Amino acid sequence: MKQLTSVVCRILFIASFLLAGIAVLEKLVNLSGFTFLRGTDPWRVLEFSAVALLFVIALQLRELKTFLSARDSK
């Protein structure tokens, strides 16, 4: 279970930064009058990035809590 959580954290962390990069790139492309997301607002993509990063933070805090509780019980 610990390895699964670690893999999910890494995937979500990378995905959140990729989504943030896509949102910034889309905004820059929109300033020149073009688009590549076809109607999706770049702020919406940035919101998805923030939600993914929030899950990463929550999973990391959960891992830290279980590590500290295991260390204190010894």
PDB file of N, CA and C in Angstrom:
ATOM      1  N   MET A   1       0.830  -1.194   0.000  1.00  0.00           N
ATOM      2  CA  MET A   1       0.000   0.000   0.000  1.00  0.00           C
ATOM      3  C   MET A   1       0.869   1.251   0.000  1.00  0.00           C
ATOM      4  N   LYS A   2       1.980   1.181   0.725  1.00  0.00           N
ATOM      5  CA  LYS A   2       2.860   2.335   0.803  1.00  0.00           C
ATOM      6  C   LYS A   2       3.467   2.660  -0.563  1.00  0.00           C
ATOM      7  N   GLN A   3       3.832   1.623  -1.312  1.00  0.00           N
ATOM      8  CA  GLN A   3       4.417   1.853  -2.628  1.00  0.00           C
ATOM      9  C   GLN A   3       3.373   2.385  -3.610  1.00  0.00           C
ATOM     10  N   LEU A   4       2.156   1.918  -3.486  1.00  0.00           N
ATOM     11  CA  LEU A   4       1.087   2.411  -4.345  1.00  0.00           C
ATOM     12  C   LEU A   4       0.840   3.895  -4.092  1.00  0.00           C
ATOM     13  N   THR A   5       0.814   4.289  -2.830  1.00  0.00           N
ATOM     14  CA  THR A   5       0.637   5.692  -2.483  1.00  0.00           C
ATOM     15  C   THR A   5       1.782   6.532  -3.014  1.00  0.00           C
ATOM     16  N   SER A   6       2.976   6.009  -2.913  1.00  0.00           N
ATOM     17  CA  SER A   6       4.144   6.726  -3.414  1.00  0.00           C
ATOM     18  C   SER A   6       4.073   6.920  -4.925  1.00  0.00           C
ATOM     19  N   VAL A   7       3.667   5.890  -5.648  1.00  0.00           N
ATOM     20  CA  VAL A   7       3.552   5.990  -7.106  1.00  0.00           C
ATOM     21  C   VAL A   7       2.448   6.984  -7.483  1.00  0.00           C
ATOM     22  N   VAL A   8       1.328   6.936  -6.796  1.00  0.00           N
ATOM     23  CA  VAL A   8       0.221   7.857  -7.075  1.00  0.00           C
ATOM     24  C   VAL A   8       0.655   9.295  -6.806  1.00  0.00           C
ATOM     25  N   CYS A   9       1.399   9.504  -5.714  1.00  0.00           N
ATOM     26  CA  CYS A   9       1.892  10.853  -5.407  1.00  0.00           C
ATOM     27  C   CYS A   9       2.789  11.366  -6.517  1.00  0.00           C
ATOM     28  N   ARG A  10       3.684  10.536  -6.978  1.00  0.00           N
ATOM     29  CA  ARG A  10       4.612  10.961  -8.032  1.00  0.00           C
ATOM     30  C   ARG A  10       3.876  11.272  -9.327  1.00  0.00           C
ATOM     31  N   ILE A  11       2.922  10.427  -9.679  1.00  0.00           N
ATOM     32  CA  ILE A  11       2.161  10.644 -10.921  1.00  0.00           C
ATOM     33  C   ILE A  11       1.338  11.923 -10.830  1.00  0.00           C
ATOM     34  N   LEU A  12       0.658  12.135  -9.711  1.00  0.00           N
ATOM     35  CA  LEU A  12      -0.148  13.343  -9.553  1.00  0.00           C
ATOM     36  C   LEU A  12       0.715  14.593  -9.499  1.00  0.00           C
ATOM     37  N   PHE A  13       1.888  14.492  -8.885  1.00  0.00           N
ATOM     38  CA  PHE A  13       2.794  15.634  -8.801  1.00  0.00           C
ATOM     39  C   PHE A  13       3.258  16.047 -10.193  1.00  0.00           C
ATOM     40  N   ILE A  14       3.671  15.076 -10.983  1.00  0.00           N
ATOM     41  CA  ILE A  14       4.117  15.367 -12.345  1.00  0.00           C
ATOM     42  C   ILE A  14       2.956  15.879 -13.186  1.00  0.00           C
ATOM     43  N   ALA A  15       1.789  15.248 -13.036  1.00  0.00           N
ATOM     44  CA  ALA A  15       0.617  15.664 -13.814  1.00  0.00           C
ATOM     45  C   ALA A  15       0.194  17.087 -13.462  1.00  0.00           C
ATOM     46  N   SER A  16       0.280  17.453 -12.192  1.00  0.00           N
ATOM     47  CA  SER A  16      -0.133  18.801 -11.807  1.00  0.00           C
ATOM     48  C   SER A  16       0.789  19.853 -12.406  1.00  0.00           C
ATOM     49  N   PHE A  17       2.082  19.579 -12.439  1.00  0.00           N
ATOM     50  CA  PHE A  17       2.985  20.554 -13.043  1.00  0.00           C
ATOM     51  C   PHE A  17       2.856  20.584 -14.562  1.00  0.00           C
ATOM     52  N   LEU A  18       2.567  19.449 -15.167  1.00  0.00           N
ATOM     53  CA  LEU A  18       2.308  19.447 -16.610  1.00  0.00           C
ATOM     54  C   LEU A  18       1.053  20.245 -16.945  1.00  0.00           C
ATOM     55  N   LEU A  19       0.008  20.065 -16.152  1.00  0.00           N
ATOM     56  CA  LEU A  19      -1.222  20.831 -16.376  1.00  0.00           C
ATOM     57  C   LEU A  19      -0.998  22.320 -16.163  1.00  0.00           C
ATOM     58  N   ALA A  20      -0.203  22.681 -15.174  1.00  0.00           N
ATOM     59  CA  ALA A  20       0.100  24.097 -14.949  1.00  0.00           C
ATOM     60  C   ALA A  20       0.873  24.665 -16.134  1.00  0.00           C
ATOM     61  N   GLY A  21       1.817  23.896 -16.653  1.00  0.00           N
ATOM     62  CA  GLY A  21       2.559  24.341 -17.828  1.00  0.00           C
ATOM     63  C   GLY A  21       1.676  24.491 -19.043  1.00  0.00           C
ATOM     64  N   ILE A  22       0.762  23.561 -19.234  1.00  0.00           N
ATOM     65  CA  ILE A  22      -0.181  23.644 -20.352  1.00  0.00           C
ATOM     66  C   ILE A  22      -1.071  24.879 -20.206  1.00  0.00           C
ATOM     67  N   ALA A  23      -1.502  25.173 -18.984  1.00  0.00           N
ATOM     68  CA  ALA A  23      -2.352  26.346 -18.762  1.00  0.00           C
ATOM     69  C   ALA A  23      -1.602  27.631 -19.085  1.00  0.00           C
ATOM     70  N   VAL A  24      -0.355  27.723 -18.671  1.00  0.00           N
ATOM     71  CA  VAL A  24       0.435  28.925 -18.962  1.00  0.00           C
ATOM     72  C   VAL A  24       0.682  29.039 -20.461  1.00  0.00           C
ATOM     73  N   LEU A  25       1.025  27.930 -21.093  1.00  0.00           N
ATOM     74  CA  LEU A  25       1.261  27.939 -22.536  1.00  0.00           C
ATOM     75  C   LEU A  25      -0.001  28.319 -23.304  1.00  0.00           C
ATOM     76  N   GLU A  26      -1.138  27.803 -22.885  1.00  0.00           N
ATOM     77  CA  GLU A  26      -2.407  28.141 -23.536  1.00  0.00           C
ATOM     78  C   GLU A  26      -2.707  29.629 -23.394  1.00  0.00           C
ATOM     79  N   LYS A  27      -2.434  30.182 -22.225  1.00  0.00           N
ATOM     80  CA  LYS A  27      -2.678  31.610 -22.024  1.00  0.00           C
ATOM     81  C   LYS A  27      -1.777  32.446 -22.933  1.00  0.00           C
ATOM     82  N   LEU A  28      -0.517  32.039 -23.076  1.00  0.00           N
ATOM     83  CA  LEU A  28       0.390  32.761 -23.966  1.00  0.00           C
ATOM     84  C   LEU A  28      -0.048  32.638 -25.422  1.00  0.00           C
ATOM     85  N   VAL A  29      -0.522  31.461 -25.809  1.00  0.00           N
ATOM     86  CA  VAL A  29      -1.008  31.258 -27.171  1.00  0.00           C
ATOM     87  C   VAL A  29      -2.291  32.058 -27.396  1.00  0.00           C
ATOM     88  N   ASN A  30      -3.140  32.144 -26.364  1.00  0.00           N
ATOM     89  CA  ASN A  30      -4.374  32.934 -26.484  1.00  0.00           C
ATOM     90  C   ASN A  30      -4.079  34.415 -26.694  1.00  0.00           C
ATOM     91  N   LEU A  31      -2.997  34.903 -26.103  1.00  0.00           N
ATOM     92  CA  LEU A  31      -2.651  36.313 -26.270  1.00  0.00           C
ATOM     93  C   LEU A  31      -2.310  36.642 -27.721  1.00  0.00           C
ATOM     94  N   SER A  32      -1.828  35.639 -28.456  1.00  0.00           N
ATOM     95  CA  SER A  32      -1.524  35.863 -29.871  1.00  0.00           C
ATOM     96  C   SER A  32      -2.727  35.561 -30.774  1.00  0.00           C
ATOM     97  N   GLY A  33      -3.835  35.137 -30.178  1.00  0.00           N
ATOM     98  CA  GLY A  33      -5.059  34.940 -30.950  1.00  0.00           C
ATOM     99  C   GLY A  33      -5.339  33.507 -31.364  1.00  0.00           C
ATOM    100  N   PHE A  34      -4.570  32.571 -30.902  1.00  0.00           N
ATOM    101  CA  PHE A  34      -4.759  31.167 -31.255  1.00  0.00           C
ATOM    102  C   PHE A  34      -5.125  30.356 -30.012  1.00  0.00           C
ATOM    103  N   THR A  35      -5.423  29.074 -30.224  1.00  0.00           N
ATOM    104  CA  THR A  35      -5.708  28.179 -29.117  1.00  0.00           C
ATOM    105  C   THR A  35      -5.322  26.756 -29.518  1.00  0.00           C
ATOM    106  N   PHE A  36      -5.016  25.931 -28.544  1.00  0.00           N
ATOM    107  CA  PHE A  36      -4.814  24.514 -28.834  1.00  0.00           C
ATOM    108  C   PHE A  36      -5.637  23.631 -27.896  1.00  0.00           C
ATOM    109  N   LEU A  37      -6.358  24.227 -26.954  1.00  0.00           N
ATOM    110  CA  LEU A  37      -7.241  23.453 -26.086  1.00  0.00           C
ATOM    111  C   LEU A  37      -8.694  23.484 -26.548  1.00  0.00           C
ATOM    112  N   ARG A  38      -8.978  24.241 -27.580  1.00  0.00           N
ATOM    113  CA  ARG A  38     -10.295  24.304 -28.219  1.00  0.00           C
ATOM    114  C   ARG A  38     -11.441  24.618 -27.257  1.00  0.00           C
ATOM    115  N   GLY A  39     -11.404  25.793 -26.711  1.00  0.00           N
ATOM    116  CA  GLY A  39     -12.518  26.251 -25.900  1.00  0.00           C
ATOM    117  C   GLY A  39     -12.376  26.041 -24.416  1.00  0.00           C
ATOM    118  N   THR A  40     -11.390  25.297 -23.987  1.00  0.00           N
ATOM    119  CA  THR A  40     -11.191  25.107 -22.554  1.00  0.00           C
ATOM    120  C   THR A  40     -10.435  26.307 -22.002  1.00  0.00           C
ATOM    121  N   ASP A  41     -10.961  26.872 -20.955  1.00  0.00           N
ATOM    122  CA  ASP A  41     -10.350  28.038 -20.342  1.00  0.00           C
ATOM    123  C   ASP A  41      -9.043  27.638 -19.649  1.00  0.00           C
ATOM    124  N   PRO A  42      -7.960  28.390 -19.835  1.00  0.00           N
ATOM    125  CA  PRO A  42      -6.705  28.035 -19.177  1.00  0.00           C
ATOM    126  C   PRO A  42      -6.793  28.073 -17.651  1.00  0.00           C
ATOM    127  N   TRP A  43      -7.678  28.910 -17.134  1.00  0.00           N
ATOM    128  CA  TRP A  43      -7.838  28.952 -15.672  1.00  0.00           C
ATOM    129  C   TRP A  43      -8.450  27.659 -15.151  1.00  0.00           C
ATOM    130  N   ARG A  44      -9.309  27.055 -15.969  1.00  0.00           N
ATOM    131  CA  ARG A  44      -9.914  25.779 -15.584  1.00  0.00           C
ATOM    132  C   ARG A  44      -8.856  24.682 -15.497  1.00  0.00           C
ATOM    133  N   VAL A  45      -7.930  24.688 -16.459  1.00  0.00           N
ATOM    134  CA  VAL A  45      -6.839  23.712 -16.455  1.00  0.00           C
ATOM    135  C   VAL A  45      -5.945  23.949 -15.239  1.00  0.00           C
ATOM    136  N   LEU A  46      -5.725  25.217 -14.914  1.00  0.00           N
ATOM    137  CA  LEU A  46      -4.920  25.542 -13.729  1.00  0.00           C
ATOM    138  C   LEU A  46      -5.618  25.091 -12.445  1.00  0.00           C
ATOM    139  N   GLU A  47      -6.948  25.152 -12.418  1.00  0.00           N
ATOM    140  CA  GLU A  47      -7.698  24.653 -11.268  1.00  0.00           C
ATOM    141  C   GLU A  47      -7.525  23.139 -11.110  1.00  0.00           C
ATOM    142  N   PHE A  48      -7.563  22.398 -12.218  1.00  0.00           N
ATOM    143  CA  PHE A  48      -7.328  20.954 -12.152  1.00  0.00           C
ATOM    144  C   PHE A  48      -5.927  20.660 -11.632  1.00  0.00           C
ATOM    145  N   SER A  49      -4.976  21.475 -12.028  1.00  0.00           N
ATOM    146  CA  SER A  49      -3.602  21.324 -11.549  1.00  0.00           C
ATOM    147  C   SER A  49      -3.537  21.541 -10.038  1.00  0.00           C
ATOM    148  N   ALA A  50      -4.222  22.556  -9.561  1.00  0.00           N
ATOM    149  CA  ALA A  50      -4.221  22.845  -8.128  1.00  0.00           C
ATOM    150  C   ALA A  50      -4.890  21.727  -7.329  1.00  0.00           C
ATOM    151  N   VAL A  51      -5.954  21.161  -7.859  1.00  0.00           N
ATOM    152  CA  VAL A  51      -6.638  20.060  -7.171  1.00  0.00           C
ATOM    153  C   VAL A  51      -5.729  18.831  -7.091  1.00  0.00           C
ATOM    154  N   ALA A  52      -5.034  18.529  -8.187  1.00  0.00           N
ATOM    155  CA  ALA A  52      -4.102  17.390  -8.177  1.00  0.00           C
ATOM    156  C   ALA A  52      -2.987  17.627  -7.172  1.00  0.00           C
ATOM    157  N   LEU A  53      -2.468  18.852  -7.103  1.00  0.00           N
ATOM    158  CA  LEU A  53      -1.411  19.162  -6.148  1.00  0.00           C
ATOM    159  C   LEU A  53      -1.927  19.094  -4.721  1.00  0.00           C
ATOM    160  N   LEU A  54      -3.176  19.440  -4.507  1.00  0.00           N
ATOM    161  CA  LEU A  54      -3.771  19.337  -3.180  1.00  0.00           C
ATOM    162  C   LEU A  54      -3.858  17.876  -2.731  1.00  0.00           C
ATOM    163  N   PHE A  55      -4.207  16.984  -3.639  1.00  0.00           N
ATOM    164  CA  PHE A  55      -4.216  15.560  -3.309  1.00  0.00           C
ATOM    165  C   PHE A  55      -2.823  15.054  -2.980  1.00  0.00           C
ATOM    166  N   VAL A  56      -1.824  15.544  -3.689  1.00  0.00           N
ATOM    167  CA  VAL A  56      -0.443  15.150  -3.394  1.00  0.00           C
ATOM    168  C   VAL A  56      -0.065  15.593  -1.991  1.00  0.00           C
ATOM    169  N   ILE A  57      -0.406  16.811  -1.635  1.00  0.00           N
ATOM    170  CA  ILE A  57      -0.102  17.314  -0.298  1.00  0.00           C
ATOM    171  C   ILE A  57      -0.808  16.477   0.756  1.00  0.00           C
ATOM    172  N   ALA A  58      -2.077  16.141   0.520  1.00  0.00           N
ATOM    173  CA  ALA A  58      -2.827  15.331   1.480  1.00  0.00           C
ATOM    174  C   ALA A  58      -2.212  13.941   1.633  1.00  0.00           C
ATOM    175  N   LEU A  59      -1.805  13.318   0.536  1.00  0.00           N
ATOM    176  CA  LEU A  59      -1.193  11.990   0.610  1.00  0.00           C
ATOM    177  C   LEU A  59       0.162  12.039   1.305  1.00  0.00           C
ATOM    178  N   GLN A  60       0.932  13.092   1.067  1.00  0.00           N
ATOM    179  CA  GLN A  60       2.221  13.226   1.726  1.00  0.00           C
ATOM    180  C   GLN A  60       2.049  13.437   3.236  1.00  0.00           C
ATOM    181  N   LEU A  61       1.068  14.222   3.618  1.00  0.00           N
ATOM    182  CA  LEU A  61       0.807  14.425   5.044  1.00  0.00           C
ATOM    183  C   LEU A  61       0.345  13.132   5.713  1.00  0.00           C
ATOM    184  N   ARG A  62      -0.430  12.335   4.991  1.00  0.00           N
ATOM    185  CA  ARG A  62      -0.866  11.045   5.529  1.00  0.00           C
ATOM    186  C   ARG A  62       0.317  10.113   5.727  1.00  0.00           C
ATOM    187  N   GLU A  63       1.237  10.081   4.753  1.00  0.00           N
ATOM    188  CA  GLU A  63       2.437   9.251   4.894  1.00  0.00           C
ATOM    189  C   GLU A  63       3.293   9.718   6.059  1.00  0.00           C
ATOM    190  N   LEU A  64       3.420  11.026   6.217  1.00  0.00           N
ATOM    191  CA  LEU A  64       4.204  11.575   7.325  1.00  0.00           C
ATOM    192  C   LEU A  64       3.580  11.218   8.663  1.00  0.00           C
ATOM    193  N   LYS A  65       2.260  11.273   8.733  1.00  0.00           N
ATOM    194  CA  LYS A  65       1.556  10.935   9.976  1.00  0.00           C
ATOM    195  C   LYS A  65       1.768   9.469  10.334  1.00  0.00           C
ATOM    196  N   THR A  66       1.652   8.581   9.356  1.00  0.00           N
ATOM    197  CA  THR A  66       1.841   7.158   9.654  1.00  0.00           C
ATOM    198  C   THR A  66       3.299   6.857  10.012  1.00  0.00           C
ATOM    199  N   PHE A  67       4.242   7.551   9.391  1.00  0.00           N
ATOM    200  CA  PHE A  67       5.658   7.367   9.731  1.00  0.00           C
ATOM    201  C   PHE A  67       5.945   7.822  11.152  1.00  0.00           C
ATOM    202  N   LEU A  68       5.414   8.980  11.510  1.00  0.00           N
ATOM    203  CA  LEU A  68       5.656   9.489  12.873  1.00  0.00           C
ATOM    204  C   LEU A  68       4.964   8.657  13.920  1.00  0.00           C
ATOM    205  N   SER A  69       3.774   8.160  13.637  1.00  0.00           N
ATOM    206  CA  SER A  69       3.082   7.326  14.624  1.00  0.00           C
ATOM    207  C   SER A  69       3.780   5.973  14.775  1.00  0.00           C
ATOM    208  N   ALA A  70       4.336   5.438  13.699  1.00  0.00           N
ATOM    209  CA  ALA A  70       5.081   4.185  13.791  1.00  0.00           C
ATOM    210  C   ALA A  70       6.388   4.387  14.556  1.00  0.00           C
ATOM    211  N   ARG A  71       7.018   5.522  14.355  1.00  0.00           N
ATOM    212  CA  ARG A  71       8.274   5.823  15.044  1.00  0.00           C
ATOM    213  C   ARG A  71       8.032   6.050  16.538  1.00  0.00           C
ATOM    214  N   ASP A  72       6.934   6.706  16.898  1.00  0.00           N
ATOM    215  CA  ASP A  72       6.625   6.977  18.300  1.00  0.00           C
ATOM    216  C   ASP A  72       6.202   5.729  19.051  1.00  0.00           C
ATOM    217  N   SER A  73       5.641   4.751  18.353  1.00  0.00           N
ATOM    218  CA  SER A  73       5.168   3.546  19.026  1.00  0.00           C
ATOM    219  C   SER A  73       6.324   2.593  19.369  1.00  0.00           C
ATOM    220  N   LYS A  74       7.500   2.811  18.815  1.00  0.00           N
ATOM    221  CA  LYS A  74       8.651   1.937  19.097  1.00  0.00           C
ATOM    222  C   LYS A  74       9.292   2.251  20.404  1.00  0.00           C
TER     223      LYS A  74
END
